[in-house]
Protein backbone atom coordinates (compact mmCIF):
# COMPACT_ATOMS: atom_id res chain seq x y z
CA MET A 1 0.00 0.00 0.00
CA ASP A 2 2.74 2.48 0.99
CA GLU A 3 4.62 1.65 -2.19
CA THR A 4 1.53 2.44 -4.29
CA VAL A 5 1.08 5.79 -2.55
CA ASN A 6 4.77 6.57 -3.08
CA VAL A 7 4.54 5.78 -6.79
CA LEU A 8 1.38 7.90 -7.17
CA THR A 9 3.05 10.78 -5.32
CA LYS A 10 6.05 10.60 -7.65
CA ILE A 11 3.81 10.54 -10.72
CA ALA A 12 1.76 13.50 -9.43
CA GLY A 13 4.97 15.48 -8.79
CA TRP A 14 6.30 14.66 -12.24
CA VAL A 15 3.06 15.75 -13.94
CA TYR A 16 2.92 18.92 -11.82
CA ASN A 17 6.51 19.81 -12.75
CA LEU A 18 5.76 19.25 -16.43
CA GLY A 19 3.09 21.91 -16.13
CA MET A 20 5.42 24.51 -14.64
CA SER A 21 7.50 26.93 -16.65
CA ARG A 22 11.00 27.96 -15.63
CA GLY A 23 9.63 31.06 -13.95
CA GLY A 24 7.35 28.97 -11.74
CA GLU A 25 4.05 29.97 -13.32
CA VAL A 26 1.76 27.24 -14.56
CA ALA A 27 2.25 26.45 -18.24
CA VAL A 28 -0.84 25.69 -20.30
CA ARG A 29 -0.84 22.11 -21.47
CA LEU A 30 -1.42 21.18 -25.12
CA GLN A 31 -3.88 18.68 -26.56
CA SER A 32 -4.70 17.88 -30.16
CA GLY A 33 -8.22 17.70 -31.50
CA ALA A 34 -9.90 16.64 -34.71
CA LEU A 35 -12.66 18.63 -36.40
CA PRO A 36 -14.48 15.82 -38.26
CA TRP A 37 -16.39 17.08 -41.28
CA ARG A 38 -18.19 15.89 -44.39
CA ILE A 39 -20.26 17.31 -47.25
CA LYS A 40 -23.88 16.18 -47.35
CA ARG A 41 -26.87 16.85 -49.56
CA ARG A 42 -26.98 20.11 -51.47
CA LYS A 43 -23.28 20.62 -50.80
CA LYS A 44 -23.81 21.47 -47.13
CA ALA A 45 -20.96 20.86 -44.71
CA GLU A 46 -21.54 19.03 -41.43
CA VAL A 47 -19.37 18.55 -38.35
CA LEU A 48 -19.37 15.51 -36.08
CA LEU A 49 -19.39 16.21 -32.35
CA VAL A 50 -19.09 13.78 -29.44
CA THR A 51 -20.25 14.08 -25.86
CA ALA A 52 -17.77 14.39 -23.02
CA ARG A 53 -17.75 11.34 -20.72
CA ARG A 54 -18.68 13.04 -17.45
CA SER A 55 -20.43 16.27 -18.40
CA GLY A 56 -22.22 15.06 -21.54
CA ARG A 57 -21.38 18.36 -23.27
CA TRP A 58 -20.78 18.43 -27.03
CA MET A 59 -17.12 18.67 -28.07
CA ILE A 60 -14.73 17.62 -30.80
CA PRO A 61 -12.63 14.46 -30.29
CA LYS A 62 -9.43 15.49 -28.52
CA GLY A 63 -6.70 14.19 -26.26
CA TRP A 64 -3.12 14.30 -25.10
CA PRO A 65 -0.27 14.01 -27.62
CA MET A 66 0.82 10.40 -28.15
CA ALA A 67 4.42 9.22 -28.13
CA GLY A 68 5.67 8.50 -31.64
CA LYS A 69 2.76 10.32 -33.33
CA SER A 70 2.46 13.82 -34.72
CA LEU A 71 -0.20 16.08 -33.19
CA ALA A 72 -2.35 15.53 -36.30
CA ASP A 73 -1.99 11.75 -36.07
CA SER A 74 -2.79 11.89 -32.34
CA ALA A 75 -5.97 13.83 -33.20
CA ALA A 76 -6.93 11.21 -35.81
CA GLN A 77 -6.39 8.44 -33.24
CA GLU A 78 -8.62 10.28 -30.74
CA ALA A 79 -11.31 10.63 -33.43
CA PHE A 80 -11.20 6.87 -33.97
CA GLU A 81 -11.31 6.07 -30.24
CA GLU A 82 -13.96 8.63 -29.24
CA ALA A 83 -16.17 8.76 -32.36
CA GLY A 84 -15.43 5.65 -34.41
CA ILE A 85 -14.42 7.55 -37.52
CA LYS A 86 -11.55 7.39 -39.97
CA GLY A 87 -10.50 9.78 -42.67
CA LYS A 88 -7.85 12.17 -43.92
CA ILE A 89 -6.40 14.44 -41.22
CA GLU A 90 -4.73 17.72 -42.15
CA ASP A 91 -1.20 18.19 -40.81
CA GLU A 92 -1.74 21.94 -40.59
CA PRO A 93 -4.05 23.01 -37.73
CA ILE A 94 -6.77 25.60 -38.36
CA GLY A 95 -6.34 27.16 -34.92
CA THR A 96 -6.48 26.62 -31.19
CA PHE A 97 -8.94 27.17 -28.38
CA ARG A 98 -8.65 27.14 -24.61
CA HIS A 99 -10.51 24.43 -22.71
CA VAL A 100 -10.84 23.89 -18.96
CA LYS A 101 -10.85 20.26 -17.85
CA GLN A 102 -11.74 18.88 -14.45
CA HIS A 103 -9.02 16.30 -13.84
CA LEU A 104 -9.62 13.62 -11.20
CA LEU A 105 -6.16 13.99 -9.61
CA PHE A 106 -5.17 17.57 -10.42
CA GLY A 107 -8.46 19.44 -10.36
CA ARG A 108 -8.96 22.30 -12.80
CA LEU A 109 -6.57 22.18 -15.77
CA GLU A 110 -6.42 24.67 -18.61
CA VAL A 111 -5.41 23.18 -21.94
CA ASP A 112 -4.92 24.66 -25.39
CA ILE A 113 -6.35 22.40 -28.07
CA LEU A 114 -4.77 22.47 -31.53
CA VAL A 115 -7.53 21.70 -34.05
CA HIS A 116 -6.89 19.65 -37.20
CA PRO A 117 -9.63 19.17 -39.82
CA LEU A 118 -10.48 15.52 -40.49
CA ALA A 119 -12.35 14.72 -43.73
CA VAL A 120 -14.40 11.71 -42.63
CA GLU A 121 -14.30 8.76 -45.01
CA ARG A 122 -15.70 5.99 -42.79
CA GLU A 123 -18.00 5.71 -39.78
CA LEU A 124 -17.58 2.48 -37.87
CA GLY A 125 -20.40 0.65 -36.11
CA ASP A 126 -18.16 -0.26 -33.20
CA TRP A 127 -15.25 1.65 -31.63
CA PRO A 128 -13.36 1.76 -28.31
CA GLU A 129 -15.49 4.41 -26.51
CA ARG A 130 -18.85 3.58 -28.11
CA GLY A 131 -20.64 2.91 -24.82
CA GLU A 132 -19.19 6.03 -23.16
CA ARG A 133 -20.04 8.77 -25.67
CA THR A 134 -22.67 9.83 -28.18
CA ARG A 135 -21.70 11.05 -31.64
CA LYS A 136 -23.89 13.22 -33.86
CA TRP A 137 -23.60 15.20 -37.09
CA PHE A 138 -24.58 18.89 -37.02
CA GLY A 139 -24.71 21.64 -39.61
CA LEU A 140 -21.92 24.18 -39.07
CA ALA A 141 -24.05 26.89 -37.42
CA GLU A 142 -25.75 24.37 -35.12
CA ALA A 143 -22.43 22.75 -34.17
CA ALA A 144 -20.98 26.17 -33.33
CA LYS A 145 -23.95 26.81 -30.99
CA ARG A 146 -23.78 23.37 -29.32
CA VAL A 147 -20.14 23.56 -28.17
CA ASP A 148 -19.41 25.42 -24.92
CA SER A 149 -16.36 27.23 -26.24
CA GLU A 150 -16.98 30.43 -28.22
CA GLU A 151 -13.47 30.05 -29.64
CA LEU A 152 -14.25 26.55 -30.92
CA GLY A 153 -17.58 27.77 -32.31
CA LYS A 154 -15.76 30.49 -34.24
CA LEU A 155 -13.22 27.94 -35.57
CA ILE A 156 -16.10 25.76 -36.82
CA VAL A 157 -17.82 28.69 -38.58
CA ASP A 158 -14.55 30.00 -40.07
CA PHE A 159 -13.62 26.50 -41.27
CA GLY A 160 -16.97 26.24 -43.02
CA LYS A 161 -16.36 29.56 -44.78
CA SER A 162 -12.96 28.28 -45.97
CA LEU A 163 -14.49 25.25 -47.73
CA LYS A 164 -14.86 25.71 -51.47
CA LEU A 165 -18.30 24.16 -51.97
CA GLY A 166 -19.24 25.74 -55.27
CA GLY A 167 -22.72 25.20 -56.54
């Protein structure tokens, strides 16, 4: 038991120190997120959102960077795990937004999420977090309203404007 507590204390200290800058102020942690999108009827763009596990709020798939993967590839992996989708992820992010997480061990954590567009090619019927989240397609304006973050809402709207839909 004491050994487990000691290991957890060491891990907590290590994570805490990772979040500190040289000057002692808390550094904002970085996550990568995918903005899953597709073109539907009448050349209208849609965005796929997923619910957060605990709060049930609508959000894009996102997570911590993964060892051996680029931020874009980490975002694509999160999209697979959280939403059961696969597609082409853009290496170049379209922007960032600030998100506040409630972490079980560390409490309130601010993270900056780098957003990479993901053109969805496949939706799977089964995926790792299927029983833990809901996924749903929304039109761009509706998706922007559903997410809690105004910054993310603006990224969604601006991304939609950047699509060359012609017609």
